[in-house]
C-alpha atoms as a PDB file:
ATOM      1  CA  MET A   1      27.079  -2.067  15.930  1.00  0.00           C
ATOM      2  CA  ALA A   2      25.275  -1.430  19.221  1.00  0.00           C
ATOM      3  CA  ALA A   3      28.068   0.911  20.336  1.00  0.00           C
ATOM      4  CA  PHE A   4      27.743   2.909  17.098  1.00  0.00           C
ATOM      5  CA  ALA A   5      23.946   3.128  17.540  1.00  0.00           C
ATOM      6  CA  ALA A   6      24.349   4.372  21.119  1.00  0.00           C
ATOM      7  CA  LEU A   7      26.914   6.981  20.059  1.00  0.00           C
ATOM      8  CA  PHE A   8      24.696   8.059  17.146  1.00  0.00           C
ATOM      9  CA  GLU A   9      21.746   8.504  19.516  1.00  0.00           C
ATOM     10  CA  LYS A  10      23.878  10.568  21.917  1.00  0.00           C
ATOM     11  CA  VAL A  11      25.003  12.813  19.073  1.00  0.00           C
ATOM     12  CA  LEU A  12      21.391  13.298  17.918  1.00  0.00           C
ATOM     13  CA  LYS A  13      20.310  14.173  21.463  1.00  0.00           C
ATOM     14  CA  ALA A  14      23.177  16.640  21.825  1.00  0.00           C
ATOM     15  CA  LEU A  15      22.296  18.313  18.512  1.00  0.00           C
ATOM     16  CA  VAL A  16      18.644  18.648  19.532  1.00  0.00           C
ATOM     17  CA  ILE A  17      19.592  20.131  22.905  1.00  0.00           C
ATOM     18  CA  ILE A  18      22.060  22.595  21.362  1.00  0.00           C
ATOM     19  CA  ALA A  19      19.605  23.639  18.636  1.00  0.00           C
ATOM     20  CA  ASN A  20      16.799  24.119  21.180  1.00  0.00           C
ATOM     21  CA  GLY A  21      19.037  26.203  23.429  1.00  0.00           C
ATOM     22  CA  LEU A  22      20.276  28.324  20.547  1.00  0.00           C
ATOM     23  CA  MET A  23      16.724  28.832  19.309  1.00  0.00           C
ATOM     24  CA  LEU A  24      15.631  29.934  22.795  1.00  0.00           C
ATOM     25  CA  LEU A  25      18.507  32.406  23.061  1.00  0.00           C
ATOM     26  CA  LEU A  26      17.832  33.808  19.589  1.00  0.00           C
ATOM     27  CA  VAL A  27      14.134  34.380  20.181  1.00  0.00           C
ATOM     28  CA  PHE A  28      14.752  35.828  23.659  1.00  0.00           C
ATOM     29  CA  GLY A  29      17.471  38.088  22.264  1.00  0.00           C
ATOM     30  CA  GLN A  30      15.182  39.282  19.498  1.00  0.00           C
ATOM     31  CA  VAL A  31      12.438  40.192  21.949  1.00  0.00           C
ATOM     32  CA  ILE A  32      14.889  42.110  24.133  1.00  0.00           C
ATOM     33  CA  THR A  33      16.513  43.968  21.252  1.00  0.00           C
ATOM     34  CA  ARG A  34      13.163  44.781  19.650  1.00  0.00           C
ATOM     35  CA  TYR A  35      11.561  46.235  22.791  1.00  0.00           C
ATOM     36  CA  CYS A  36      14.631  47.780  24.411  1.00  0.00           C
ATOM     37  CA  PHE A  37      16.534  49.086  21.400  1.00  0.00           C
ATOM     38  CA  GLY A  38      13.942  49.150  18.602  1.00  0.00           C
ATOM     39  CA  TRP A  39      16.265  47.011  16.488  1.00  0.00           C
ATOM     40  CA  THR A  40      16.563  43.292  15.781  1.00  0.00           C
ATOM     41  CA  PRO A  41      19.408  41.331  14.223  1.00  0.00           C
ATOM     42  CA  TYR A  42      18.704  40.656  10.557  1.00  0.00           C
ATOM     43  CA  PHE A  43      19.390  36.920  10.842  1.00  0.00           C
ATOM     44  CA  GLY A  44      17.690  36.087  14.161  1.00  0.00           C
ATOM     45  CA  GLU A  45      14.170  35.258  13.061  1.00  0.00           C
ATOM     46  CA  GLU A  46      15.308  33.300  10.025  1.00  0.00           C
ATOM     47  CA  LEU A  47      17.884  31.274  11.961  1.00  0.00           C
ATOM     48  CA  ALA A  48      15.353  30.490  14.720  1.00  0.00           C
ATOM     49  CA  ARG A  49      12.882  29.260  12.089  1.00  0.00           C
ATOM     50  CA  TYR A  50      15.513  27.017  10.480  1.00  0.00           C
ATOM     51  CA  LEU A  51      16.634  25.695  13.864  1.00  0.00           C
ATOM     52  CA  PHE A  52      13.026  24.766  14.601  1.00  0.00           C
ATOM     53  CA  VAL A  53      12.902  22.682  11.412  1.00  0.00           C
ATOM     54  CA  TRP A  54      16.150  20.976  12.429  1.00  0.00           C
ATOM     55  CA  VAL A  55      14.880  20.264  15.954  1.00  0.00           C
ATOM     56  CA  VAL A  56      11.709  18.674  14.594  1.00  0.00           C
ATOM     57  CA  PHE A  57      13.426  16.403  12.090  1.00  0.00           C
ATOM     58  CA  LEU A  58      16.302  15.449  14.405  1.00  0.00           C
ATOM     59  CA  SER A  59      13.813  14.594  17.154  1.00  0.00           C
ATOM     60  CA  LEU A  60      11.675  12.330  14.944  1.00  0.00           C
ATOM     61  CA  PRO A  61      14.039   9.338  15.049  1.00  0.00           C
ATOM     62  CA  LEU A  62      14.684   9.732  18.779  1.00  0.00           C
ATOM     63  CA  VAL A  63      10.998   9.668  19.589  1.00  0.00           C
ATOM     64  CA  ALA A  64      10.355   6.792  17.166  1.00  0.00           C
ATOM     65  CA  LYS A  65      13.099   4.669  18.694  1.00  0.00           C
ATOM     66  CA  HIS A  66      11.525   4.928  22.126  1.00  0.00           C
ATOM     67  CA  GLY A  67       7.942   4.448  20.908  1.00  0.00           C
ATOM     68  CA  GLY A  68       6.853   7.947  21.845  1.00  0.00           C
ATOM     69  CA  HIS A  69       4.913   8.855  18.731  1.00  0.00           C
ATOM     70  CA  MET A  70       1.198   9.333  18.845  1.00  0.00           C
ATOM     71  CA  CYS A  71      -0.822   6.193  18.335  1.00  0.00           C
ATOM     72  CA  ILE A  72      -4.442   5.256  18.620  1.00  0.00           C
ATOM     73  CA  GLU A  73      -4.418   3.491  21.969  1.00  0.00           C
ATOM     74  CA  THR A  74      -8.191   3.286  22.042  1.00  0.00           C
ATOM     75  CA  ILE A  75      -7.909   0.282  19.763  1.00  0.00           C
ATOM     76  CA  THR A  76      -4.526  -1.161  20.724  1.00  0.00           C
ATOM     77  CA  SER A  77      -5.245  -1.065  24.456  1.00  0.00           C
ATOM     78  CA  ARG A  78      -8.295  -3.319  23.958  1.00  0.00           C
ATOM     79  CA  VAL A  79      -6.686  -6.033  21.835  1.00  0.00           C
ATOM     80  CA  LYS A  80      -3.938  -8.567  22.426  1.00  0.00           C
ATOM     81  CA  GLY A  81      -2.225 -11.397  20.668  1.00  0.00           C
ATOM     82  CA  ALA A  82      -2.539 -11.844  16.917  1.00  0.00           C
ATOM     83  CA  THR A  83      -4.817  -8.822  16.467  1.00  0.00           C
ATOM     84  CA  LEU A  84      -2.345  -6.511  18.205  1.00  0.00           C
ATOM     85  CA  LYS A  85       0.518  -7.977  16.215  1.00  0.00           C
ATOM     86  CA  THR A  86      -1.378  -7.379  12.966  1.00  0.00           C
ATOM     87  CA  LEU A  87      -2.158  -3.771  13.933  1.00  0.00           C
ATOM     88  CA  ASN A  88       1.503  -3.143  14.833  1.00  0.00           C
ATOM     89  CA  ILE A  89       2.656  -4.642  11.543  1.00  0.00           C
ATOM     90  CA  LEU A  90       0.180  -2.514   9.573  1.00  0.00           C
ATOM     91  CA  ALA A  91       1.233   0.644  11.433  1.00  0.00           C
ATOM     92  CA  ASP A  92       4.905  -0.055  10.770  1.00  0.00           C
ATOM     93  CA  VAL A  93       4.340  -0.881   7.098  1.00  0.00           C
ATOM     94  CA  PHE A  94       2.350   2.327   6.518  1.00  0.00           C
ATOM     95  CA  SER A  95       4.978   4.311   8.433  1.00  0.00           C
ATOM     96  CA  ILE A  96       7.758   2.795   6.321  1.00  0.00           C
ATOM     97  CA  ILE A  97       5.909   3.709   3.121  1.00  0.00           C
ATOM     98  CA  PHE A  98       5.325   7.272   4.340  1.00  0.00           C
ATOM     99  CA  LEU A  99       8.924   7.685   5.518  1.00  0.00           C
ATOM    100  CA  GLY A 100      10.230   6.310   2.229  1.00  0.00           C
ATOM    101  CA  ILE A 101       8.192   8.917   0.350  1.00  0.00           C
ATOM    102  CA  MET A 102       9.365  11.668   2.717  1.00  0.00           C
ATOM    103  CA  THR A 103      13.008  10.639   2.382  1.00  0.00           C
ATOM    104  CA  TRP A 104      12.866  10.470  -1.407  1.00  0.00           C
ATOM    105  CA  ASN A 105      11.005  13.764  -1.796  1.00  0.00           C
ATOM    106  CA  GLY A 106      13.256  15.372   0.800  1.00  0.00           C
ATOM    107  CA  LEU A 107      16.271  14.441  -1.309  1.00  0.00           C
ATOM    108  CA  LEU A 108      14.564  15.925  -4.364  1.00  0.00           C
ATOM    109  CA  MET A 109      13.832  19.113  -2.421  1.00  0.00           C
ATOM    110  CA  VAL A 110      17.469  19.385  -1.321  1.00  0.00           C
ATOM    111  CA  GLU A 111      18.569  19.002  -4.932  1.00  0.00           C
ATOM    112  CA  ARG A 112      16.068  21.582  -6.192  1.00  0.00           C
ATOM    113  CA  THR A 113      16.965  24.152  -3.534  1.00  0.00           C
ATOM    114  CA  SER A 114      20.721  23.848  -3.891  1.00  0.00           C
ATOM    115  CA  PHE A 115      20.758  26.967  -6.084  1.00  0.00           C
ATOM    116  CA  GLN A 116      18.619  29.088  -3.763  1.00  0.00           C
ATOM    117  CA  THR A 117      19.917  31.139  -0.850  1.00  0.00           C
ATOM    118  CA  SER A 118      18.108  32.256   2.258  1.00  0.00           C
ATOM    119  CA  PRO A 119      17.060  35.920   2.216  1.00  0.00           C
ATOM    120  CA  ALA A 120      18.770  37.131   5.392  1.00  0.00           C
ATOM    121  CA  MET A 121      21.699  34.798   6.043  1.00  0.00           C
ATOM    122  CA  MET A 122      22.517  34.057   2.396  1.00  0.00           C
ATOM    123  CA  ILE A 123      23.158  30.355   3.068  1.00  0.00           C
ATOM    124  CA  PRO A 124      22.137  27.662   0.564  1.00  0.00           C
ATOM    125  CA  MET A 125      18.589  26.510   1.271  1.00  0.00           C
ATOM    126  CA  SER A 126      19.744  22.928   0.745  1.00  0.00           C
ATOM    127  CA  TRP A 127      21.568  23.256   4.106  1.00  0.00           C
ATOM    128  CA  VAL A 128      18.229  23.945   5.747  1.00  0.00           C
ATOM    129  CA  TYR A 129      16.355  21.122   4.023  1.00  0.00           C
ATOM    130  CA  ILE A 130      19.002  18.379   4.245  1.00  0.00           C
ATOM    131  CA  VAL A 131      17.681  17.488   7.672  1.00  0.00           C
ATOM    132  CA  ILE A 132      14.361  16.303   6.205  1.00  0.00           C
ATOM    133  CA  PRO A 133      15.693  13.262   4.320  1.00  0.00           C
ATOM    134  CA  PHE A 134      18.202  12.628   7.106  1.00  0.00           C
ATOM    135  CA  GLY A 135      15.619  12.578   9.913  1.00  0.00           C
ATOM    136  CA  CYS A 136      13.082  10.603   7.905  1.00  0.00           C
ATOM    137  CA  GLY A 137      15.757   8.159   6.722  1.00  0.00           C
ATOM    138  CA  VAL A 138      16.961   7.465  10.264  1.00  0.00           C
ATOM    139  CA  MET A 139      13.368   7.112  11.456  1.00  0.00           C
ATOM    140  CA  PHE A 140      12.772   4.715   8.539  1.00  0.00           C
ATOM    141  CA  CYS A 141      15.602   2.530   9.892  1.00  0.00           C
ATOM    142  CA  TYR A 142      14.187   2.575  13.426  1.00  0.00           C
ATOM    143  CA  VAL A 143      10.667   1.703  12.254  1.00  0.00           C
ATOM    144  CA  ALA A 144      12.029  -1.081  10.042  1.00  0.00           C
ATOM    145  CA  ALA A 145      13.945  -2.482  13.032  1.00  0.00           C
ATOM    146  CA  ASN A 146      10.761  -2.346  15.086  1.00  0.00           C
ATOM    147  CA  LEU A 147       8.877  -4.169  12.319  1.00  0.00           C
ATOM    148  CA  VAL A 148      11.489  -6.942  12.367  1.00  0.00           C
ATOM    149  CA  ARG A 149      11.146  -7.160  16.160  1.00  0.00           C
ATOM    150  CA  VAL A 150       7.346  -7.392  15.942  1.00  0.00           C
ATOM    151  CA  LEU A 151       7.553 -10.043  13.223  1.00  0.00           C
ATOM    152  CA  LYS A 152       9.900 -12.147  15.373  1.00  0.00           C
ATOM    153  CA  THR A 153       7.730 -11.832  18.485  1.00  0.00           C
ATOM    154  CA  PRO A 154       5.169 -14.619  18.839  1.00  0.00           C
ATOM    155  CA  ALA A 155       1.559 -13.396  18.792  1.00  0.00           C
ATOM    156  CA  SER A 156       0.948 -14.881  22.227  1.00  0.00           C
ATOM    157  CA  GLU A 157       3.568 -12.527  23.720  1.00  0.00           C
ATOM    158  CA  MET A 158       2.081  -9.337  22.240  1.00  0.00           C
ATOM    159  CA  LYS A 159       0.708  -7.123  25.000  1.00  0.00           C
END
């Protein structure tokens, strides 16, 4: 299972890197073609916008796994032990609730947009939005695993 998780993380990182690079090239190419030739590709701006959505939602689980999301350290840096454990549990529980809502509503959005096409590229909009339930669902798993880890850790070891 650990080997699968490591491979999955590598694939996510590769997708984020490729999408970021492609987005950079698209935007740069659009600027050059607009100012040098007075013309821009019809799909460039739309594809860059969709790639940005994909980068955001593919990066969410990666950042969550490594504890890089924003937190209120003003409080957590001043407490230890049982109080810190309680705050971590509350944060994880609220995150799990939020991510569950996002995953469910993301799936509904994918279903509702399956009949729509994007204006310039004419691709199904569900292809664009499928990353929302995917990213939130994977992040849900990582936060749930962190909650289990926090619950197993004795309060005296919480720092």
